[in-house]
Amino acid sequence: MPVPNRVLTIAVFNEKSGWTLPDAHVTRIRDAAGPDTEVRTVRSRAELLEALPDTHELIGFPLGESELAEHAHNLRWIQLTGSVGDAFSALQYALSRGVRVSSAAGIRAPQCAEHVVMLLLALMRRLDIAVHAQTQRRWATAEIAPRVVDLEGAVVGIVAISVIGRAIAQRLKAFGVEIIATRPPGAHPGDDLVSVDEMMPDTDLRELMARSDAVVFATPFLPGSIDSIGKRELDHLKHGAILVDSSRGGIVQQSALVNALKSGRIAAAALDVFEHEPLPPDSPLWSMPNVIITPHVSSSSPRYWDRATEAACHNLQRLRDGRPLQGELTLELLGIEKTPA
């Protein structure tokens, strides 16, 4: 039997609920890792910190920067099981020290795109009014019909084209939509797709807002993105525009959004992410008639962990073969400069 020459640690768990990655998924990862790899699973943060000094490859990432600095001396590769999210600073630290990192944001793209299209159609066909009227047993034709907007022929702006933004654009194109989009910092022109009619630099955000009948925020987490959409940006929207936010909580300033909804600058909004989650009961968004709220579920899917495991297995095989990794992150892609080791 081959002697393991590397250690792979699977740190995919919810310590509060006691959930861990199912055994069948662990077996798939073990098979992909190969006989010369010792595969360990951990069920808590404490177990992870204990295992980390011997770990060369890590799947999952419930760690902070200080924990990496103190314990991850042998780490060579991290496979995330989602997007960058709140792990940004720790990942920046890892990348700056030569650790390779792969995102699994692509596994979220299909369901996130479906969720956005669903919300956009619901707002444009005023499903929000219909559902409210249904609870009152009220026939609301006269209220709904004048407010309906066609998706066909509309200009939809996507901020910004990432893997999820591309999936949204592909699906919207089937509705006869004109799609304009911004390209985030670090992205390359080769990332553009035929489903996007016009790509803009991120510096042209306000022009995109002014031209769009509906704006979708699918912005990846990048430095400076928090509170990047405030009153000045929202004031550039067409009067009566529609807004859908499935990006990251805090990118759109919530107070500015509420004011734009009250003034009619934004006719209606559908929101899946918020500055504070869960959304506090006293938030005015709960009672606004022109707002649809979903509780950060756009990436939910019964196949999520099947997809995450498949992504990890594919990258393990690529790593062993010396091939480029899928979803590999770089400091450039994250819009940051390398810091001295």
Protein backbone atom coordinates (compact mmCIF):
# COMPACT_ATOMS: atom_id res chain seq x y z
CA MET A 1 0.00 0.00 0.00
CA PRO A 2 1.40 3.43 -0.95
CA VAL A 3 2.56 5.60 1.93
CA PRO A 4 0.60 8.89 1.97
CA ASN A 5 2.83 11.83 1.12
CA ARG A 6 0.20 14.52 1.55
CA VAL A 7 -2.72 15.23 3.86
CA LEU A 8 -6.07 16.52 2.61
CA THR A 9 -8.46 17.84 5.25
CA ILE A 10 -12.18 18.15 4.57
CA ALA A 11 -13.55 20.98 6.71
CA VAL A 12 -17.16 21.12 5.57
CA PHE A 13 -19.36 21.28 8.66
CA ASN A 14 -21.93 23.26 10.60
CA GLU A 15 -20.78 23.12 14.19
CA LYS A 16 -24.03 24.51 15.55
CA SER A 17 -26.29 21.90 13.93
CA GLY A 18 -23.75 19.08 13.93
CA TRP A 19 -24.02 18.64 10.14
CA THR A 20 -21.00 17.44 8.19
CA LEU A 21 -20.46 16.50 4.57
CA PRO A 22 -22.17 13.12 4.02
CA ASP A 23 -19.99 10.00 3.91
CA ALA A 24 -20.82 9.32 0.26
CA HIS A 25 -19.36 12.69 -0.72
CA VAL A 26 -16.28 12.11 1.42
CA THR A 27 -15.75 8.77 -0.34
CA ARG A 28 -15.88 10.49 -3.74
CA ILE A 29 -13.26 12.99 -2.63
CA ARG A 30 -11.05 10.23 -1.19
CA ASP A 31 -11.20 8.33 -4.48
CA ALA A 32 -10.30 11.48 -6.44
CA ALA A 33 -7.44 12.34 -4.07
CA GLY A 34 -5.65 9.10 -4.82
CA PRO A 35 -3.91 6.43 -2.72
CA ASP A 36 -0.94 8.61 -1.82
CA THR A 37 -3.17 11.11 0.02
CA GLU A 38 -4.40 10.75 3.58
CA VAL A 39 -7.91 12.20 3.75
CA ARG A 40 -9.13 13.50 7.09
CA THR A 41 -12.49 14.97 8.02
CA VAL A 42 -13.07 17.43 10.84
CA ARG A 43 -16.35 18.31 12.53
CA SER A 44 -15.48 21.48 14.41
CA ARG A 45 -13.23 24.52 14.33
CA ALA A 46 -11.16 23.09 17.17
CA GLU A 47 -10.57 19.86 15.22
CA LEU A 48 -9.63 21.87 12.15
CA LEU A 49 -7.05 23.94 14.03
CA GLU A 50 -5.58 20.72 15.41
CA ALA A 51 -5.36 19.16 11.94
CA LEU A 52 -4.19 22.25 10.08
CA PRO A 53 -0.42 22.11 10.77
CA ASP A 54 -0.17 18.77 8.92
CA THR A 55 -2.62 19.74 6.16
CA HIS A 56 -1.37 20.26 2.61
CA GLU A 57 -4.77 20.54 0.91
CA LEU A 58 -7.97 21.90 2.42
CA ILE A 59 -11.56 21.60 1.22
CA GLY A 60 -13.83 24.13 2.91
CA PHE A 61 -12.58 27.25 4.65
CA PRO A 62 -14.02 28.19 8.08
CA LEU A 63 -10.85 30.07 9.06
CA GLY A 64 -9.61 33.57 9.72
CA GLU A 65 -6.35 35.23 8.72
CA SER A 66 -4.73 34.89 12.15
CA GLU A 67 -5.55 31.19 12.31
CA LEU A 68 -4.01 30.64 8.90
CA ALA A 69 -0.88 32.52 9.89
CA GLU A 70 -0.47 30.53 13.08
CA HIS A 71 -1.35 27.02 11.91
CA ALA A 72 -1.26 26.63 8.11
CA HIS A 73 2.48 26.34 7.56
CA ASN A 74 2.25 23.41 5.10
CA LEU A 75 -0.89 24.44 3.25
CA ARG A 76 -0.58 24.41 -0.55
CA TRP A 77 -4.15 24.51 -1.85
CA ILE A 78 -7.62 25.53 -0.67
CA GLN A 79 -10.80 24.45 -2.44
CA LEU A 80 -13.71 26.63 -1.36
CA THR A 81 -17.19 25.16 -1.33
CA GLY A 82 -18.79 28.44 -2.31
CA SER A 83 -17.75 31.97 -3.24
CA VAL A 84 -15.19 34.21 -1.55
CA GLY A 85 -17.73 35.84 0.76
CA ASP A 86 -16.58 36.79 4.24
CA ALA A 87 -13.28 34.90 3.89
CA PHE A 88 -11.77 37.65 1.74
CA SER A 89 -9.01 38.84 4.08
CA ALA A 90 -7.91 35.30 4.94
CA LEU A 91 -7.83 34.34 1.26
CA GLN A 92 -5.83 37.45 0.44
CA TYR A 93 -3.32 36.35 3.08
CA ALA A 94 -3.16 32.80 1.68
CA LEU A 95 -2.73 33.92 -1.93
CA SER A 96 -0.02 36.41 -1.03
CA ARG A 97 1.95 33.53 0.49
CA GLY A 98 1.68 31.26 -2.50
CA VAL A 99 -1.25 29.07 -1.46
CA ARG A 100 -3.41 28.22 -4.45
CA VAL A 101 -7.13 28.87 -3.97
CA SER A 102 -10.09 27.65 -6.04
CA SER A 103 -13.57 29.10 -5.76
CA ALA A 104 -16.73 27.09 -6.26
CA ALA A 105 -18.86 30.11 -7.10
CA GLY A 106 -19.78 28.42 -10.37
CA ILE A 107 -21.85 25.78 -8.57
CA ARG A 108 -24.14 28.58 -7.35
CA ALA A 109 -24.60 30.17 -10.76
CA PRO A 110 -27.54 28.12 -12.18
CA GLN A 111 -29.81 28.49 -9.16
CA CYS A 112 -28.80 32.11 -8.50
CA ALA A 113 -29.60 32.99 -12.11
CA GLU A 114 -32.97 31.22 -11.93
CA HIS A 115 -33.78 33.09 -8.72
CA VAL A 116 -32.94 36.45 -10.29
CA VAL A 117 -35.05 35.77 -13.38
CA MET A 118 -37.92 34.68 -11.16
CA LEU A 119 -37.73 37.89 -9.12
CA LEU A 120 -37.40 40.08 -12.18
CA LEU A 121 -40.45 38.53 -13.84
CA ALA A 122 -42.41 38.75 -10.59
CA LEU A 123 -41.76 42.48 -10.36
CA MET A 124 -42.36 43.28 -14.02
CA ARG A 125 -45.63 41.32 -14.05
CA ARG A 126 -46.47 42.74 -10.59
CA LEU A 127 -46.87 39.40 -8.87
CA ASP A 128 -46.27 41.26 -5.61
CA ILE A 129 -49.57 43.11 -6.03
CA ALA A 130 -51.39 39.96 -7.11
CA VAL A 131 -50.24 37.97 -4.07
CA HIS A 132 -51.21 40.80 -1.71
CA ALA A 133 -54.63 41.07 -3.35
CA GLN A 134 -55.06 37.30 -3.08
CA THR A 135 -54.64 37.44 0.70
CA GLN A 136 -57.51 39.96 0.72
CA ARG A 137 -59.66 37.92 -1.73
CA ARG A 138 -59.62 40.99 -3.99
CA TRP A 139 -59.85 40.94 -7.81
CA ALA A 140 -57.10 43.46 -8.69
CA THR A 141 -57.11 43.70 -12.48
CA ALA A 142 -57.46 47.49 -12.49
CA GLU A 143 -54.59 47.82 -10.03
CA ILE A 144 -52.18 45.40 -11.72
CA ALA A 145 -52.73 45.89 -15.46
CA PRO A 146 -51.51 49.53 -15.67
CA ARG A 147 -48.34 48.65 -13.76
CA VAL A 148 -47.27 45.63 -15.81
CA VAL A 149 -44.00 46.05 -17.73
CA ASP A 150 -42.77 43.89 -20.63
CA LEU A 151 -39.49 42.08 -20.17
CA GLU A 152 -39.13 41.67 -23.94
CA GLY A 153 -37.35 44.71 -25.33
CA ALA A 154 -36.34 46.00 -21.90
CA VAL A 155 -32.79 47.10 -21.15
CA VAL A 156 -31.42 45.14 -18.20
CA GLY A 157 -28.16 46.25 -16.59
CA ILE A 158 -26.09 43.66 -14.74
CA VAL A 159 -23.60 44.82 -12.11
CA ALA A 160 -21.21 43.09 -12.63
CA ILE A 161 -20.36 40.23 -14.99
CA SER A 162 -18.98 37.43 -12.88
CA VAL A 163 -19.73 33.72 -13.24
CA ILE A 164 -23.19 34.36 -11.78
CA GLY A 165 -23.71 37.50 -13.86
CA ARG A 166 -22.92 35.54 -17.00
CA ALA A 167 -25.47 32.87 -16.06
CA ILE A 168 -28.10 35.58 -15.52
CA ALA A 169 -27.32 37.15 -18.90
CA GLN A 170 -27.58 33.80 -20.70
CA ARG A 171 -31.05 33.15 -19.31
CA LEU A 172 -32.37 36.67 -19.82
CA LYS A 173 -31.29 36.69 -23.45
CA ALA A 174 -34.02 34.17 -24.24
CA PHE A 175 -36.62 36.81 -23.30
CA GLY A 176 -35.48 39.25 -25.97
CA VAL A 177 -33.76 41.54 -23.49
CA GLU A 178 -31.02 44.03 -24.31
CA ILE A 179 -28.29 43.35 -21.78
CA ILE A 180 -25.63 45.83 -20.73
CA ALA A 181 -23.14 45.01 -18.01
CA THR A 182 -20.12 46.28 -16.16
CA ARG A 183 -16.89 44.34 -16.00
CA PRO A 184 -15.42 44.14 -12.48
CA PRO A 185 -11.82 45.11 -11.78
CA GLY A 186 -9.41 42.28 -12.56
CA ALA A 187 -11.66 40.73 -15.21
CA HIS A 188 -10.39 40.36 -18.76
CA PRO A 189 -12.12 41.21 -22.06
CA GLY A 190 -12.10 37.49 -22.82
CA ASP A 191 -14.70 37.05 -20.07
CA ASP A 192 -17.34 38.76 -22.25
CA LEU A 193 -20.11 36.64 -23.77
CA VAL A 194 -22.36 36.96 -26.80
CA SER A 195 -25.34 37.15 -24.43
CA VAL A 196 -24.14 40.59 -23.30
CA ASP A 197 -24.91 43.29 -25.85
CA GLU A 198 -22.55 45.87 -24.38
CA MET A 199 -19.78 45.59 -21.83
CA MET A 200 -18.72 48.65 -19.86
CA PRO A 201 -15.85 49.31 -17.48
CA ASP A 202 -16.88 49.53 -13.85
CA THR A 203 -16.24 53.29 -14.04
CA ASP A 204 -19.32 53.59 -16.29
CA LEU A 205 -21.69 52.30 -13.59
CA ARG A 206 -23.77 55.48 -13.52
CA GLU A 207 -24.28 55.35 -17.29
CA LEU A 208 -25.50 51.77 -16.95
CA MET A 209 -27.94 52.83 -14.23
CA ALA A 210 -29.29 55.68 -16.36
CA ARG A 211 -29.94 53.45 -19.40
CA SER A 212 -31.46 50.43 -17.66
CA ASP A 213 -35.14 49.66 -17.21
CA ALA A 214 -34.09 47.12 -14.60
CA VAL A 215 -30.79 46.71 -12.76
CA VAL A 216 -29.56 43.42 -11.33
CA PHE A 217 -26.78 43.46 -8.75
CA ALA A 218 -24.75 40.26 -8.92
CA THR A 219 -21.52 41.87 -7.79
CA PRO A 220 -18.77 39.59 -6.48
CA PHE A 221 -17.25 40.59 -3.17
CA LEU A 222 -14.29 42.89 -3.89
CA PRO A 223 -12.43 45.55 -1.90
CA GLY A 224 -14.43 48.74 -1.77
CA SER A 225 -17.70 47.09 -2.81
CA ILE A 226 -19.42 47.60 0.56
CA ASP A 227 -21.68 50.68 0.43
CA SER A 228 -20.58 51.26 -3.16
CA ILE A 229 -24.18 51.82 -4.32
CA GLY A 230 -25.64 54.79 -2.51
CA LYS A 231 -27.85 57.80 -3.16
CA ARG A 232 -25.60 59.24 -5.88
CA GLU A 233 -25.69 56.01 -7.87
CA LEU A 234 -29.41 55.34 -7.32
CA ASP A 235 -30.22 58.90 -8.39
CA HIS A 236 -28.92 57.99 -11.85
CA LEU A 237 -31.58 55.30 -12.29
CA LYS A 238 -34.43 55.90 -14.70
CA HIS A 239 -37.50 57.06 -12.81
CA GLY A 240 -39.60 53.94 -12.20
CA ALA A 241 -36.77 51.46 -12.72
CA ILE A 242 -36.77 48.00 -11.14
CA LEU A 243 -33.96 46.72 -8.92
CA VAL A 244 -32.97 43.15 -8.05
CA ASP A 245 -30.16 42.53 -5.55
CA SER A 246 -28.63 39.06 -5.16
CA SER A 247 -25.04 40.17 -4.65
CA ARG A 248 -23.70 40.65 -1.13
CA GLY A 249 -25.40 42.35 1.78
CA GLY A 250 -24.18 45.91 2.22
CA ILE A 251 -23.17 46.64 -1.36
CA VAL A 252 -26.40 48.60 -1.85
CA GLN A 253 -26.86 51.11 0.97
CA GLN A 254 -30.14 50.12 2.55
CA SER A 255 -31.18 53.60 3.72
CA ALA A 256 -30.62 55.02 0.23
CA LEU A 257 -32.61 52.14 -1.25
CA VAL A 258 -35.55 52.72 1.09
CA ASN A 259 -35.63 56.42 0.18
CA ALA A 260 -35.50 55.65 -3.56
CA LEU A 261 -38.41 53.23 -3.16
CA LYS A 262 -40.45 55.77 -1.22
CA SER A 263 -39.82 58.51 -3.79
CA GLY A 264 -40.75 56.32 -6.76
CA ARG A 265 -37.27 56.57 -8.29
CA ILE A 266 -37.34 52.78 -7.96
CA ALA A 267 -40.75 51.37 -8.81
CA ALA A 268 -40.12 48.03 -7.13
CA ALA A 269 -37.27 45.98 -5.72
CA ALA A 270 -36.60 42.32 -5.03
CA LEU A 271 -33.93 41.67 -2.41
CA ASP A 272 -32.18 38.46 -1.39
CA VAL A 273 -29.30 40.05 0.57
CA PHE A 274 -29.21 42.68 3.29
CA GLU A 275 -26.79 44.75 5.38
CA HIS A 276 -27.84 42.82 8.49
CA GLU A 277 -29.09 39.25 8.30
CA PRO A 278 -31.58 38.14 9.39
CA LEU A 279 -33.29 41.36 8.35
CA PRO A 280 -34.40 43.05 11.63
CA PRO A 281 -38.16 42.97 12.28
CA ASP A 282 -38.25 46.77 12.46
CA SER A 283 -36.80 47.26 8.98
CA PRO A 284 -39.16 49.37 6.81
CA LEU A 285 -38.48 46.98 3.92
CA TRP A 286 -40.79 44.35 5.45
CA SER A 287 -43.90 46.50 5.06
CA MET A 288 -43.15 48.25 1.78
CA PRO A 289 -45.74 47.16 -0.82
CA ASN A 290 -43.27 47.45 -3.70
CA VAL A 291 -40.64 45.13 -2.20
CA ILE A 292 -40.23 41.36 -2.47
CA ILE A 293 -37.96 39.81 0.17
CA THR A 294 -36.33 36.40 -0.01
CA PRO A 295 -34.11 35.34 2.93
CA HIS A 296 -30.73 34.87 1.21
CA VAL A 297 -31.78 31.68 -0.55
CA SER A 298 -30.81 32.43 -4.16
CA SER A 299 -27.99 29.85 -4.05
CA SER A 300 -30.07 27.14 -2.37
CA SER A 301 -30.36 23.89 -4.29
CA PRO A 302 -31.02 20.25 -3.36
CA ARG A 303 -27.96 19.42 -5.48
CA TYR A 304 -25.62 21.97 -3.88
CA TRP A 305 -23.31 19.52 -2.14
CA ASP A 306 -23.32 17.15 -5.10
CA ARG A 307 -22.07 20.04 -7.22
CA ALA A 308 -19.57 21.20 -4.59
CA THR A 309 -18.15 17.68 -4.28
CA GLU A 310 -17.94 17.31 -8.04
CA ALA A 311 -16.06 20.63 -8.30
CA ALA A 312 -13.61 19.54 -5.60
CA CYS A 313 -13.03 16.16 -7.27
CA HIS A 314 -12.45 17.73 -10.69
CA ASN A 315 -9.89 20.12 -9.24
CA LEU A 316 -8.15 17.34 -7.33
CA GLN A 317 -7.71 15.46 -10.59
CA ARG A 318 -6.44 18.61 -12.31
CA LEU A 319 -4.05 19.27 -9.43
CA ARG A 320 -2.64 15.74 -9.67
CA ASP A 321 -2.28 16.02 -13.46
CA GLY A 322 -0.66 19.46 -13.36
CA ARG A 323 -3.54 21.05 -15.29
CA PRO A 324 -5.06 24.50 -14.66
CA LEU A 325 -7.61 24.54 -11.86
CA GLN A 326 -11.23 25.50 -12.43
CA GLY A 327 -12.24 28.68 -10.63
CA GLU A 328 -8.71 29.45 -9.49
CA LEU A 329 -8.42 32.81 -7.78
CA THR A 330 -5.54 35.25 -8.03
CA LEU A 331 -4.76 38.51 -6.30
CA GLU A 332 -5.39 40.26 -9.61
CA LEU A 333 -8.86 38.75 -9.94
CA LEU A 334 -9.66 39.94 -6.43
CA GLY A 335 -8.51 43.43 -7.35
CA ILE A 336 -5.64 43.57 -4.86
CA GLU A 337 -1.89 43.82 -5.00
CA LYS A 338 0.46 41.20 -3.64
CA THR A 339 1.85 42.06 -0.23
CA PRO A 340 5.37 41.15 0.85
CA ALA A 341 5.68 37.75 2.52
